[in-house]
Amino acid sequence: MKRDWDTIREILAKLEDSESNRSFQLSSFPSDRAAEISYNMELLIEAGLVEGSMSKALGPGTHNFLAHRLTWSGHEFLDSIRSDAVWKKTKSSFISNGVSMTFDLVKSVASEVAAAMIKASMGI
């Protein structure tokens, strides 16, 4: 399965928007997307963007999880890609240049896109 940046953005936003005492499980998401959500959540937990744990089920396939909250890094990353306009321009930069999206590059490009938009709005 592949990492899906739109799904990652969706998961981060959903966790941030949740009530502080609510944890998410796989059942918090549409069942037809279980494998996609489970895989990308596992990546987010591994990357330290989400505080949570994956179930210890044996074998490959979809695993349940318990996600409690975004970490500081998770908030910082989401802040860099939150704006729909910034996100669209960021993705388009990767597509037009034929470059693979990596975590560090996505954050860097999104920050540059946001800075350029701010400068343009200020007439700089």
PDB file of N, CA and C in Angstrom:
ATOM      1  N   MET A   1       0.847  -1.174   0.000  1.00  0.00           N
ATOM      2  CA  MET A   1       0.000   0.000   0.000  1.00  0.00           C
ATOM      3  C   MET A   1       0.894   1.238   0.000  1.00  0.00           C
ATOM      4  N   LYS A   2       0.401   2.297  -0.604  1.00  0.00           N
ATOM      5  CA  LYS A   2       1.174   3.536  -0.696  1.00  0.00           C
ATOM      6  C   LYS A   2       0.700   4.555   0.329  1.00  0.00           C
ATOM      7  N   ARG A   3       1.640   5.383   0.716  1.00  0.00           N
ATOM      8  CA  ARG A   3       1.305   6.524   1.569  1.00  0.00           C
ATOM      9  C   ARG A   3       0.447   7.479   0.745  1.00  0.00           C
ATOM     10  N   ASP A   4      -0.613   7.995   1.352  1.00  0.00           N
ATOM     11  CA  ASP A   4      -1.515   8.907   0.647  1.00  0.00           C
ATOM     12  C   ASP A   4      -1.545  10.234   1.401  1.00  0.00           C
ATOM     13  N   TRP A   5      -0.984  11.260   0.793  1.00  0.00           N
ATOM     14  CA  TRP A   5      -0.842  12.550   1.454  1.00  0.00           C
ATOM     15  C   TRP A   5      -2.178  13.221   1.748  1.00  0.00           C
ATOM     16  N   ASP A   6      -3.161  13.034   0.885  1.00  0.00           N
ATOM     17  CA  ASP A   6      -4.479  13.608   1.158  1.00  0.00           C
ATOM     18  C   ASP A   6      -5.117  12.933   2.371  1.00  0.00           C
ATOM     19  N   THR A   7      -4.935  11.628   2.485  1.00  0.00           N
ATOM     20  CA  THR A   7      -5.456  10.891   3.633  1.00  0.00           C
ATOM     21  C   THR A   7      -4.731  11.314   4.910  1.00  0.00           C
ATOM     22  N   ILE A   8      -3.436  11.498   4.816  1.00  0.00           N
ATOM     23  CA  ILE A   8      -2.654  11.948   5.970  1.00  0.00           C
ATOM     24  C   ILE A   8      -3.157  13.308   6.443  1.00  0.00           C
ATOM     25  N   ARG A   9      -3.372  14.219   5.522  1.00  0.00           N
ATOM     26  CA  ARG A   9      -3.888  15.548   5.860  1.00  0.00           C
ATOM     27  C   ARG A   9      -5.280  15.439   6.504  1.00  0.00           C
ATOM     28  N   GLU A  10      -6.108  14.580   5.953  1.00  0.00           N
ATOM     29  CA  GLU A  10      -7.458  14.378   6.480  1.00  0.00           C
ATOM     30  C   GLU A  10      -7.424  13.833   7.909  1.00  0.00           C
ATOM     31  N   ILE A  11      -6.585  12.849   8.150  1.00  0.00           N
ATOM     32  CA  ILE A  11      -6.483  12.247   9.485  1.00  0.00           C
ATOM     33  C   ILE A  11      -5.995  13.283  10.496  1.00  0.00           C
ATOM     34  N   LEU A  12      -4.959  14.016  10.144  1.00  0.00           N
ATOM     35  CA  LEU A  12      -4.416  15.028  11.056  1.00  0.00           C
ATOM     36  C   LEU A  12      -5.473  16.080  11.398  1.00  0.00           C
ATOM     37  N   ALA A  13      -6.196  16.546  10.387  1.00  0.00           N
ATOM     38  CA  ALA A  13      -7.232  17.561  10.619  1.00  0.00           C
ATOM     39  C   ALA A  13      -8.351  17.015  11.500  1.00  0.00           C
ATOM     40  N   LYS A  14      -8.743  15.762  11.268  1.00  0.00           N
ATOM     41  CA  LYS A  14      -9.823  15.168  12.059  1.00  0.00           C
ATOM     42  C   LYS A  14      -9.401  15.020  13.518  1.00  0.00           C
ATOM     43  N   LEU A  15      -8.162  14.606  13.735  1.00  0.00           N
ATOM     44  CA  LEU A  15      -7.681  14.477  15.116  1.00  0.00           C
ATOM     45  C   LEU A  15      -7.609  15.838  15.801  1.00  0.00           C
ATOM     46  N   GLU A  16      -7.154  16.845  15.085  1.00  0.00           N
ATOM     47  CA  GLU A  16      -7.052  18.175  15.683  1.00  0.00           C
ATOM     48  C   GLU A  16      -8.438  18.739  16.019  1.00  0.00           C
ATOM     49  N   ASP A  17      -9.407  18.481  15.163  1.00  0.00           N
ATOM     50  CA  ASP A  17     -10.753  19.012  15.362  1.00  0.00           C
ATOM     51  C   ASP A  17     -11.544  18.283  16.439  1.00  0.00           C
ATOM     52  N   SER A  18     -11.033  17.142  16.891  1.00  0.00           N
ATOM     53  CA  SER A  18     -11.787  16.349  17.868  1.00  0.00           C
ATOM     54  C   SER A  18     -11.733  16.993  19.250  1.00  0.00           C
ATOM     55  N   GLU A  19     -12.647  16.580  20.065  1.00  0.00           N
ATOM     56  CA  GLU A  19     -12.635  17.014  21.461  1.00  0.00           C
ATOM     57  C   GLU A  19     -11.397  16.436  22.124  1.00  0.00           C
ATOM     58  N   SER A  20     -10.833  17.159  23.061  1.00  0.00           N
ATOM     59  CA  SER A  20      -9.561  16.755  23.653  1.00  0.00           C
ATOM     60  C   SER A  20      -9.610  15.412  24.380  1.00  0.00           C
ATOM     61  N   ASN A  21     -10.773  14.993  24.838  1.00  0.00           N
ATOM     62  CA  ASN A  21     -10.851  13.733  25.572  1.00  0.00           C
ATOM     63  C   ASN A  21     -11.337  12.572  24.701  1.00  0.00           C
ATOM     64  N   ARG A  22     -11.378  12.763  23.404  1.00  0.00           N
ATOM     65  CA  ARG A  22     -11.881  11.716  22.519  1.00  0.00           C
ATOM     66  C   ARG A  22     -10.729  11.057  21.762  1.00  0.00           C
ATOM     67  N   SER A  23     -10.678   9.761  21.805  1.00  0.00           N
ATOM     68  CA  SER A  23      -9.688   9.012  21.039  1.00  0.00           C
ATOM     69  C   SER A  23     -10.358   8.455  19.791  1.00  0.00           C
ATOM     70  N   PHE A  24      -9.571   8.268  18.760  1.00  0.00           N
ATOM     71  CA  PHE A  24     -10.086   7.723  17.516  1.00  0.00           C
ATOM     72  C   PHE A  24      -9.645   6.288  17.342  1.00  0.00           C
ATOM     73  N   GLN A  25     -10.543   5.513  16.757  1.00  0.00           N
ATOM     74  CA  GLN A  25     -10.245   4.149  16.362  1.00  0.00           C
ATOM     75  C   GLN A  25     -10.577   4.027  14.881  1.00  0.00           C
ATOM     76  N   LEU A  26     -10.280   2.894  14.327  1.00  0.00           N
ATOM     77  CA  LEU A  26     -10.569   2.658  12.916  1.00  0.00           C
ATOM     78  C   LEU A  26     -12.049   2.869  12.627  1.00  0.00           C
ATOM     79  N   SER A  27     -12.907   2.515  13.568  1.00  0.00           N
ATOM     80  CA  SER A  27     -14.354   2.654  13.367  1.00  0.00           C
ATOM     81  C   SER A  27     -14.813   4.119  13.304  1.00  0.00           C
ATOM     82  N   SER A  28     -13.917   5.068  13.604  1.00  0.00           N
ATOM     83  CA  SER A  28     -14.239   6.493  13.504  1.00  0.00           C
ATOM     84  C   SER A  28     -14.227   6.978  12.056  1.00  0.00           C
ATOM     85  N   PHE A  29     -13.797   6.125  11.158  1.00  0.00           N
ATOM     86  CA  PHE A  29     -13.662   6.462   9.748  1.00  0.00           C
ATOM     87  C   PHE A  29     -14.548   5.545   8.906  1.00  0.00           C
ATOM     88  N   PRO A  30     -14.843   5.904   7.664  1.00  0.00           N
ATOM     89  CA  PRO A  30     -15.679   5.061   6.802  1.00  0.00           C
ATOM     90  C   PRO A  30     -15.076   3.665   6.613  1.00  0.00           C
ATOM     91  N   SER A  31     -15.904   2.644   6.729  1.00  0.00           N
ATOM     92  CA  SER A  31     -15.416   1.259   6.647  1.00  0.00           C
ATOM     93  C   SER A  31     -14.850   0.906   5.276  1.00  0.00           C
ATOM     94  N   ASP A  32     -15.313   1.578   4.216  1.00  0.00           N
ATOM     95  CA  ASP A  32     -14.793   1.264   2.887  1.00  0.00           C
ATOM     96  C   ASP A  32     -13.372   1.785   2.684  1.00  0.00           C
ATOM     97  N   ARG A  33     -12.864   2.547   3.645  1.00  0.00           N
ATOM     98  CA  ARG A  33     -11.505   3.085   3.560  1.00  0.00           C
ATOM     99  C   ARG A  33     -10.619   2.526   4.671  1.00  0.00           C
ATOM    100  N   ALA A  34     -11.040   1.434   5.293  1.00  0.00           N
ATOM    101  CA  ALA A  34     -10.354   0.893   6.472  1.00  0.00           C
ATOM    102  C   ALA A  34      -8.871   0.622   6.217  1.00  0.00           C
ATOM    103  N   ALA A  35      -8.541  -0.050   5.140  1.00  0.00           N
ATOM    104  CA  ALA A  35      -7.145  -0.385   4.873  1.00  0.00           C
ATOM    105  C   ALA A  35      -6.304   0.877   4.666  1.00  0.00           C
ATOM    106  N   GLU A  36      -6.836   1.805   3.905  1.00  0.00           N
ATOM    107  CA  GLU A  36      -6.142   3.072   3.623  1.00  0.00           C
ATOM    108  C   GLU A  36      -5.912   3.880   4.911  1.00  0.00           C
ATOM    109  N   ILE A  37      -6.947   4.008   5.723  1.00  0.00           N
ATOM    110  CA  ILE A  37      -6.851   4.777   6.966  1.00  0.00           C
ATOM    111  C   ILE A  37      -5.890   4.095   7.933  1.00  0.00           C
ATOM    112  N   SER A  38      -6.024   2.787   8.092  1.00  0.00           N
ATOM    113  CA  SER A  38      -5.176   2.030   9.005  1.00  0.00           C
ATOM    114  C   SER A  38      -3.704   2.164   8.626  1.00  0.00           C
ATOM    115  N   TYR A  39      -3.403   2.008   7.367  1.00  0.00           N
ATOM    116  CA  TYR A  39      -2.013   2.076   6.912  1.00  0.00           C
ATOM    117  C   TYR A  39      -1.420   3.463   7.146  1.00  0.00           C
ATOM    118  N   ASN A  40      -2.163   4.499   6.761  1.00  0.00           N
ATOM    119  CA  ASN A  40      -1.649   5.858   6.911  1.00  0.00           C
ATOM    120  C   ASN A  40      -1.574   6.279   8.371  1.00  0.00           C
ATOM    121  N   MET A  41      -2.481   5.799   9.219  1.00  0.00           N
ATOM    122  CA  MET A  41      -2.390   6.081  10.646  1.00  0.00           C
ATOM    123  C   MET A  41      -1.141   5.441  11.231  1.00  0.00           C
ATOM    124  N   GLU A  42      -0.849   4.233  10.796  1.00  0.00           N
ATOM    125  CA  GLU A  42       0.363   3.571  11.281  1.00  0.00           C
ATOM    126  C   GLU A  42       1.597   4.399  10.921  1.00  0.00           C
ATOM    127  N   LEU A  43       1.622   4.944   9.722  1.00  0.00           N
ATOM    128  CA  LEU A  43       2.743   5.791   9.312  1.00  0.00           C
ATOM    129  C   LEU A  43       2.829   7.051  10.171  1.00  0.00           C
ATOM    130  N   LEU A  44       1.675   7.651  10.476  1.00  0.00           N
ATOM    131  CA  LEU A  44       1.660   8.862  11.301  1.00  0.00           C
ATOM    132  C   LEU A  44       2.154   8.589  12.721  1.00  0.00           C
ATOM    133  N   ILE A  45       1.782   7.456  13.266  1.00  0.00           N
ATOM    134  CA  ILE A  45       2.255   7.082  14.600  1.00  0.00           C
ATOM    135  C   ILE A  45       3.754   6.811  14.557  1.00  0.00           C
ATOM    136  N   GLU A  46       4.212   6.064  13.543  1.00  0.00           N
ATOM    137  CA  GLU A  46       5.644   5.783  13.398  1.00  0.00           C
ATOM    138  C   GLU A  46       6.463   7.060  13.257  1.00  0.00           C
ATOM    139  N   ALA A  47       5.918   8.045  12.537  1.00  0.00           N
ATOM    140  CA  ALA A  47       6.629   9.303  12.293  1.00  0.00           C
ATOM    141  C   ALA A  47       6.602  10.237  13.497  1.00  0.00           C
ATOM    142  N   GLY A  48       5.818   9.890  14.518  1.00  0.00           N
ATOM    143  CA  GLY A  48       5.738  10.716  15.703  1.00  0.00           C
ATOM    144  C   GLY A  48       4.836  11.927  15.551  1.00  0.00           C
ATOM    145  N   LEU A  49       3.936  11.903  14.553  1.00  0.00           N
ATOM    146  CA  LEU A  49       3.008  13.010  14.359  1.00  0.00           C
ATOM    147  C   LEU A  49       1.717  12.810  15.144  1.00  0.00           C
ATOM    148  N   VAL A  50       1.438  11.564  15.485  1.00  0.00           N
ATOM    149  CA  VAL A  50       0.228  11.218  16.245  1.00  0.00           C
ATOM    150  C   VAL A  50       0.642  10.369  17.436  1.00  0.00           C
ATOM    151  N   GLU A  51       0.067  10.686  18.592  1.00  0.00           N
ATOM    152  CA  GLU A  51       0.267   9.853  19.770  1.00  0.00           C
ATOM    153  C   GLU A  51      -0.830   8.796  19.765  1.00  0.00           C
ATOM    154  N   GLY A  52      -0.423   7.553  19.671  1.00  0.00           N
ATOM    155  CA  GLY A  52      -1.389   6.469  19.618  1.00  0.00           C
ATOM    156  C   GLY A  52      -0.691   5.135  19.505  1.00  0.00           C
ATOM    157  N   SER A  53      -1.478   4.099  19.264  1.00  0.00           N
ATOM    158  CA  SER A  53      -0.909   2.761  19.125  1.00  0.00           C
ATOM    159  C   SER A  53      -1.745   1.952  18.144  1.00  0.00           C
ATOM    160  N   MET A  54      -1.082   1.036  17.494  1.00  0.00           N
ATOM    161  CA  MET A  54      -1.736   0.114  16.572  1.00  0.00           C
ATOM    162  C   MET A  54      -2.014  -1.179  17.319  1.00  0.00           C
ATOM    163  N   SER A  55      -3.057  -1.895  16.900  1.00  0.00           N
ATOM    164  CA  SER A  55      -3.348  -3.188  17.529  1.00  0.00           C
ATOM    165  C   SER A  55      -2.218  -4.148  17.211  1.00  0.00           C
ATOM    166  N   LYS A  56      -2.080  -5.127  18.023  1.00  0.00           N
ATOM    167  CA  LYS A  56      -0.991  -6.094  17.871  1.00  0.00           C
ATOM    168  C   LYS A  56      -1.442  -7.350  17.131  1.00  0.00           C
ATOM    169  N   ALA A  57      -2.423  -7.219  16.248  1.00  0.00           N
ATOM    170  CA  ALA A  57      -2.906  -8.376  15.484  1.00  0.00           C
ATOM    171  C   ALA A  57      -1.771  -8.955  14.648  1.00  0.00           C
ATOM    172  N   LEU A  58      -1.760 -10.259  14.542  1.00  0.00           N
ATOM    173  CA  LEU A  58      -0.726 -10.937  13.762  1.00  0.00           C
ATOM    174  C   LEU A  58      -1.080 -10.922  12.285  1.00  0.00           C
ATOM    175  N   GLY A  59      -0.069 -10.838  11.475  1.00  0.00           N
ATOM    176  CA  GLY A  59      -0.262 -10.945  10.038  1.00  0.00           C
ATOM    177  C   GLY A  59      -0.536  -9.611   9.366  1.00  0.00           C
ATOM    178  N   PRO A  60      -0.522  -9.654   8.032  1.00  0.00           N
ATOM    179  CA  PRO A  60      -0.758  -8.435   7.261  1.00  0.00           C
ATOM    180  C   PRO A  60      -2.240  -8.077   7.247  1.00  0.00           C
ATOM    181  N   GLY A  61      -2.524  -6.891   6.779  1.00  0.00           N
ATOM    182  CA  GLY A  61      -3.918  -6.486   6.649  1.00  0.00           C
ATOM    183  C   GLY A  61      -4.231  -5.265   7.473  1.00  0.00           C
ATOM    184  N   THR A  62      -5.505  -5.003   7.593  1.00  0.00           N
ATOM    185  CA  THR A  62      -5.984  -3.829   8.297  1.00  0.00           C
ATOM    186  C   THR A  62      -5.929  -4.058   9.805  1.00  0.00           C
ATOM    187  N   HIS A  63      -5.345  -3.106  10.518  1.00  0.00           N
ATOM    188  CA  HIS A  63      -5.236  -3.201  11.971  1.00  0.00           C
ATOM    189  C   HIS A  63      -5.947  -2.019  12.611  1.00  0.00           C
ATOM    190  N   ASN A  64      -6.596  -2.280  13.715  1.00  0.00           N
ATOM    191  CA  ASN A  64      -7.243  -1.212  14.451  1.00  0.00           C
ATOM    192  C   ASN A  64      -6.168  -0.368  15.134  1.00  0.00           C
ATOM    193  N   PHE A  65      -6.549   0.804  15.574  1.00  0.00           N
ATOM    194  CA  PHE A  65      -5.613   1.692  16.250  1.00  0.00           C
ATOM    195  C   PHE A  65      -6.376   2.490  17.290  1.00  0.00           C
ATOM    196  N   LEU A  66      -5.627   3.112  18.162  1.00  0.00           N
ATOM    197  CA  LEU A  66      -6.167   4.044  19.120  1.00  0.00           C
ATOM    198  C   LEU A  66      -5.288   5.287  19.030  1.00  0.00           C
ATOM    199  N   ALA A  67      -5.849   6.368  18.517  1.00  0.00           N
ATOM    200  CA  ALA A  67      -5.112   7.617  18.345  1.00  0.00           C
ATOM    201  C   ALA A  67      -5.663   8.636  19.334  1.00  0.00           C
ATOM    202  N   HIS A  68      -4.786   9.191  20.158  1.00  0.00           N
ATOM    203  CA  HIS A  68      -5.208  10.094  21.219  1.00  0.00           C
ATOM    204  C   HIS A  68      -5.159  11.561  20.808  1.00  0.00           C
ATOM    205  N   ARG A  69      -4.064  11.946  20.159  1.00  0.00           N
ATOM    206  CA  ARG A  69      -3.901  13.363  19.848  1.00  0.00           C
ATOM    207  C   ARG A  69      -2.735  13.559  18.877  1.00  0.00           C
ATOM    208  N   LEU A  70      -2.651  14.767  18.353  1.00  0.00           N
ATOM    209  CA  LEU A  70      -1.484  15.144  17.554  1.00  0.00           C
ATOM    210  C   LEU A  70      -0.346  15.493  18.508  1.00  0.00           C
ATOM    211  N   THR A  71       0.868  15.205  18.093  1.00  0.00           N
ATOM    212  CA  THR A  71       2.033  15.648  18.843  1.00  0.00           C
ATOM    213  C   THR A  71       2.362  17.078  18.393  1.00  0.00           C
ATOM    214  N   TRP A  72       3.361  17.686  19.021  1.00  0.00           N
ATOM    215  CA  TRP A  72       3.800  19.013  18.604  1.00  0.00           C
ATOM    216  C   TRP A  72       4.161  18.989  17.114  1.00  0.00           C
ATOM    217  N   SER A  73       4.924  17.976  16.712  1.00  0.00           N
ATOM    218  CA  SER A  73       5.321  17.856  15.295  1.00  0.00           C
ATOM    219  C   SER A  73       4.114  17.678  14.392  1.00  0.00           C
ATOM    220  N   GLY A  74       3.119  16.949  14.870  1.00  0.00           N
ATOM    221  CA  GLY A  74       1.900  16.762  14.096  1.00  0.00           C
ATOM    222  C   GLY A  74       1.165  18.070  13.876  1.00  0.00           C
ATOM    223  N   HIS A  75       1.080  18.882  14.926  1.00  0.00           N
ATOM    224  CA  HIS A  75       0.449  20.206  14.795  1.00  0.00           C
ATOM    225  C   HIS A  75       1.238  21.088  13.835  1.00  0.00           C
ATOM    226  N   GLU A  76       2.554  21.082  13.964  1.00  0.00           N
ATOM    227  CA  GLU A  76       3.406  21.904  13.099  1.00  0.00           C
ATOM    228  C   GLU A  76       3.243  21.498  11.633  1.00  0.00           C
ATOM    229  N   PHE A  77       3.226  20.196  11.387  1.00  0.00           N
ATOM    230  CA  PHE A  77       3.072  19.728  10.013  1.00  0.00           C
ATOM    231  C   PHE A  77       1.699  20.093   9.467  1.00  0.00           C
ATOM    232  N   LEU A  78       0.657  19.858  10.245  1.00  0.00           N
ATOM    233  CA  LEU A  78      -0.688  20.206   9.795  1.00  0.00           C
ATOM    234  C   LEU A  78      -0.794  21.702   9.533  1.00  0.00           C
ATOM    235  N   ASP A  79      -0.205  22.517  10.395  1.00  0.00           N
ATOM    236  CA  ASP A  79      -0.240  23.964  10.176  1.00  0.00           C
ATOM    237  C   ASP A  79       0.382  24.337   8.833  1.00  0.00           C
ATOM    238  N   SER A  80       1.408  23.605   8.419  1.00  0.00           N
ATOM    239  CA  SER A  80       2.069  23.937   7.149  1.00  0.00           C
ATOM    240  C   SER A  80       1.238  23.542   5.928  1.00  0.00           C
ATOM    241  N   ILE A  81       0.288  22.610   6.087  1.00  0.00           N
ATOM    242  CA  ILE A  81      -0.503  22.146   4.934  1.00  0.00           C
ATOM    243  C   ILE A  81      -2.004  22.341   5.122  1.00  0.00           C
ATOM    244  N   ARG A  82      -2.414  23.065   6.136  1.00  0.00           N
ATOM    245  CA  ARG A  82      -3.827  23.235   6.457  1.00  0.00           C
ATOM    246  C   ARG A  82      -4.615  23.956   5.367  1.00  0.00           C
ATOM    247  N   SER A  83      -4.104  25.071   4.890  1.00  0.00           N
ATOM    248  CA  SER A  83      -4.808  25.876   3.896  1.00  0.00           C
ATOM    249  C   SER A  83      -5.015  25.084   2.612  1.00  0.00           C
ATOM    250  N   ASP A  84      -6.258  25.088   2.112  1.00  0.00           N
ATOM    251  CA  ASP A  84      -6.546  24.387   0.854  1.00  0.00           C
ATOM    252  C   ASP A  84      -5.719  24.971  -0.293  1.00  0.00           C
ATOM    253  N   ALA A  85      -5.570  26.281  -0.316  1.00  0.00           N
ATOM    254  CA  ALA A  85      -4.800  26.930  -1.392  1.00  0.00           C
ATOM    255  C   ALA A  85      -3.332  26.519  -1.332  1.00  0.00           C
ATOM    256  N   VAL A  86      -2.766  26.519  -0.142  1.00  0.00           N
ATOM    257  CA  VAL A  86      -1.360  26.104   0.020  1.00  0.00           C
ATOM    258  C   VAL A  86      -1.211  24.638  -0.347  1.00  0.00           C
ATOM    259  N   TRP A  87      -2.151  23.801   0.086  1.00  0.00           N
ATOM    260  CA  TRP A  87      -2.075  22.366  -0.189  1.00  0.00           C
ATOM    261  C   TRP A  87      -2.127  22.093  -1.690  1.00  0.00           C
ATOM    262  N   LYS A  88      -3.038  22.759  -2.389  1.00  0.00           N
ATOM    263  CA  LYS A  88      -3.158  22.548  -3.838  1.00  0.00           C
ATOM    264  C   LYS A  88      -1.889  22.976  -4.566  1.00  0.00           C
ATOM    265  N   LYS A  89      -1.339  24.119  -4.185  1.00  0.00           N
ATOM    266  CA  LYS A  89      -0.105  24.590  -4.832  1.00  0.00           C
ATOM    267  C   LYS A  89       1.082  23.706  -4.486  1.00  0.00           C
ATOM    268  N   THR A  90       1.105  23.216  -3.265  1.00  0.00           N
ATOM    269  CA  THR A  90       2.199  22.321  -2.848  1.00  0.00           C
ATOM    270  C   THR A  90       2.170  21.035  -3.668  1.00  0.00           C
ATOM    271  N   LYS A  91       0.999  20.402  -3.751  1.00  0.00           N
ATOM    272  CA  LYS A  91       0.887  19.163  -4.531  1.00  0.00           C
ATOM    273  C   LYS A  91       1.213  19.406  -5.994  1.00  0.00           C
ATOM    274  N   SER A  92       0.738  20.521  -6.522  1.00  0.00           N
ATOM    275  CA  SER A  92       0.980  20.831  -7.928  1.00  0.00           C
ATOM    276  C   SER A  92       2.467  21.037  -8.206  1.00  0.00           C
ATOM    277  N   SER A  93       3.203  21.591  -7.235  1.00  0.00           N
ATOM    278  CA  SER A  93       4.655  21.771  -7.392  1.00  0.00           C
ATOM    279  C   SER A  93       5.356  20.427  -7.568  1.00  0.00           C
ATOM    280  N   PHE A  94       4.935  19.451  -6.784  1.00  0.00           N
ATOM    281  CA  PHE A  94       5.548  18.128  -6.888  1.00  0.00           C
ATOM    282  C   PHE A  94       5.189  17.460  -8.214  1.00  0.00           C
ATOM    283  N   ILE A  95       3.933  17.570  -8.597  1.00  0.00           N
ATOM    284  CA  ILE A  95       3.479  16.938  -9.838  1.00  0.00           C
ATOM    285  C   ILE A  95       4.179  17.560 -11.046  1.00  0.00           C
ATOM    286  N   SER A  96       4.202  18.889 -11.104  1.00  0.00           N
ATOM    287  CA  SER A  96       4.781  19.564 -12.268  1.00  0.00           C
ATOM    288  C   SER A  96       6.289  19.339 -12.389  1.00  0.00           C
ATOM    289  N   ASN A  97       6.945  19.096 -11.269  1.00  0.00           N
ATOM    290  CA  ASN A  97       8.392  18.859 -11.304  1.00  0.00           C
ATOM    291  C   ASN A  97       8.754  17.380 -11.295  1.00  0.00           C
ATOM    292  N   GLY A  98       7.768  16.508 -11.202  1.00  0.00           N
ATOM    293  CA  GLY A  98       8.022  15.072 -11.216  1.00  0.00           C
ATOM    294  C   GLY A  98       8.842  14.597 -10.031  1.00  0.00           C
ATOM    295  N   VAL A  99       8.634  15.230  -8.884  1.00  0.00           N
ATOM    296  CA  VAL A  99       9.393  14.903  -7.677  1.00  0.00           C
ATOM    297  C   VAL A  99       8.481  14.169  -6.693  1.00  0.00           C
ATOM    298  N   SER A 100       9.026  13.154  -6.047  1.00  0.00           N
ATOM    299  CA  SER A 100       8.251  12.416  -5.042  1.00  0.00           C
ATOM    300  C   SER A 100       8.084  13.252  -3.787  1.00  0.00           C
ATOM    301  N   MET A 101       6.929  13.090  -3.163  1.00  0.00           N
ATOM    302  CA  MET A 101       6.622  13.831  -1.939  1.00  0.00           C
ATOM    303  C   MET A 101       7.204  13.091  -0.736  1.00  0.00           C
ATOM    304  N   THR A 102       8.121  13.734  -0.046  1.00  0.00           N
ATOM    305  CA  THR A 102       8.647  13.213   1.205  1.00  0.00           C
ATOM    306  C   THR A 102       8.208  14.167   2.308  1.00  0.00           C
ATOM    307  N   PHE A 103       8.226  13.707   3.526  1.00  0.00           N
ATOM    308  CA  PHE A 103       7.777  14.527   4.648  1.00  0.00           C
ATOM    309  C   PHE A 103       8.519  15.859   4.693  1.00  0.00           C
ATOM    310  N   ASP A 104       9.835  15.812   4.682  1.00  0.00           N
ATOM    311  CA  ASP A 104      10.623  17.044   4.787  1.00  0.00           C
ATOM    312  C   ASP A 104      10.371  17.972   3.612  1.00  0.00           C
ATOM    313  N   LEU A 105      10.285  17.419   2.402  1.00  0.00           N
ATOM    314  CA  LEU A 105      10.030  18.250   1.224  1.00  0.00           C
ATOM    315  C   LEU A 105       8.632  18.855   1.252  1.00  0.00           C
ATOM    316  N   VAL A 106       7.640  18.077   1.654  1.00  0.00           N
ATOM    317  CA  VAL A 106       6.269  18.595   1.714  1.00  0.00           C
ATOM    318  C   VAL A 106       6.211  19.771   2.677  1.00  0.00           C
ATOM    319  N   LYS A 107       6.790  19.611   3.849  1.00  0.00           N
ATOM    320  CA  LYS A 107       6.772  20.686   4.840  1.00  0.00           C
ATOM    321  C   LYS A 107       7.516  21.912   4.322  1.00  0.00           C
ATOM    322  N   SER A 108       8.656  21.695   3.698  1.00  0.00           N
ATOM    323  CA  SER A 108       9.460  22.801   3.175  1.00  0.00           C
ATOM    324  C   SER A 108       8.751  23.541   2.047  1.00  0.00           C
ATOM    325  N   VAL A 109       8.228  22.794   1.079  1.00  0.00           N
ATOM    326  CA  VAL A 109       7.541  23.416  -0.057  1.00  0.00           C
ATOM    327  C   VAL A 109       6.280  24.137   0.412  1.00  0.00           C
ATOM    328  N   ALA A 110       5.517  23.521   1.310  1.00  0.00           N
ATOM    329  CA  ALA A 110       4.302  24.156   1.827  1.00  0.00           C
ATOM    330  C   ALA A 110       4.643  25.468   2.536  1.00  0.00           C
ATOM    331  N   SER A 111       5.730  25.478   3.289  1.00  0.00           N
ATOM    332  CA  SER A 111       6.147  26.705   3.976  1.00  0.00           C
ATOM    333  C   SER A 111       6.545  27.781   2.972  1.00  0.00           C
ATOM    334  N   GLU A 112       7.246  27.385   1.914  1.00  0.00           N
ATOM    335  CA  GLU A 112       7.633  28.342   0.874  1.00  0.00           C
ATOM    336  C   GLU A 112       6.418  28.874   0.124  1.00  0.00           C
ATOM    337  N   VAL A 113       5.466  28.007  -0.167  1.00  0.00           N
ATOM    338  CA  VAL A 113       4.234  28.427  -0.850  1.00  0.00           C
ATOM    339  C   VAL A 113       3.477  29.426   0.023  1.00  0.00           C
ATOM    340  N   ALA A 114       3.342  29.119   1.304  1.00  0.00           N
ATOM    341  CA  ALA A 114       2.629  30.013   2.224  1.00  0.00           C
ATOM    342  C   ALA A 114       3.339  31.358   2.326  1.00  0.00           C
ATOM    343  N   ALA A 115       4.664  31.332   2.426  1.00  0.00           N
ATOM    344  CA  ALA A 115       5.428  32.582   2.517  1.00  0.00           C
ATOM    345  C   ALA A 115       5.251  33.419   1.257  1.00  0.00           C
ATOM    346  N   ALA A 116       5.268  32.783   0.100  1.00  0.00           N
ATOM    347  CA  ALA A 116       5.080  33.507  -1.166  1.00  0.00           C
ATOM    348  C   ALA A 116       3.674  34.111  -1.240  1.00  0.00           C
ATOM    349  N   MET A 117       2.676  33.377  -0.761  1.00  0.00           N
ATOM    350  CA  MET A 117       1.305  33.900  -0.761  1.00  0.00           C
ATOM    351  C   MET A 117       1.177  35.099   0.170  1.00  0.00           C
ATOM    352  N   ILE A 118       1.831  35.054   1.300  1.00  0.00           N
ATOM    353  CA  ILE A 118       1.784  36.166   2.253  1.00  0.00           C
ATOM    354  C   ILE A 118       2.482  37.380   1.667  1.00  0.00           C
ATOM    355  N   LYS A 119       3.649  37.173   1.064  1.00  0.00           N
ATOM    356  CA  LYS A 119       4.380  38.283   0.439  1.00  0.00           C
ATOM    357  C   LYS A 119       3.560  38.913  -0.678  1.00  0.00           C
ATOM    358  N   ALA A 120       2.919  38.076  -1.483  1.00  0.00           N
ATOM    359  CA  ALA A 120       2.104  38.579  -2.593  1.00  0.00           C
ATOM    360  C   ALA A 120       0.923  39.402  -2.074  1.00  0.00           C
ATOM    361  N   SER A 121       0.318  38.949  -0.979  1.00  0.00           N
ATOM    362  CA  SER A 121      -0.833  39.679  -0.443  1.00  0.00           C
ATOM    363  C   SER A 121      -0.414  41.012   0.181  1.00  0.00           C
ATOM    364  N   MET A 122       0.861  41.092   0.570  1.00  0.00           N
ATOM    365  CA  MET A 122       1.369  42.328   1.163  1.00  0.00           C
ATOM    366  C   MET A 122       2.017  43.243   0.125  1.00  0.00           C
ATOM    367  N   GLY A 123       2.090  42.743  -1.104  1.00  0.00           N
ATOM    368  CA  GLY A 123       2.692  43.524  -2.186  1.00  0.00           C
ATOM    369  C   GLY A 123       4.200  43.603  -2.094  1.00  0.00           C
ATOM    370  N   ILE A 124       4.796  42.595  -1.496  1.00  0.00           N
ATOM    371  CA  ILE A 124       6.269  42.569  -1.344  1.00  0.00           C
ATOM    372  C   ILE A 124       6.901  41.873  -2.525  1.00  0.00           C
TER     373      ILE A 124
END
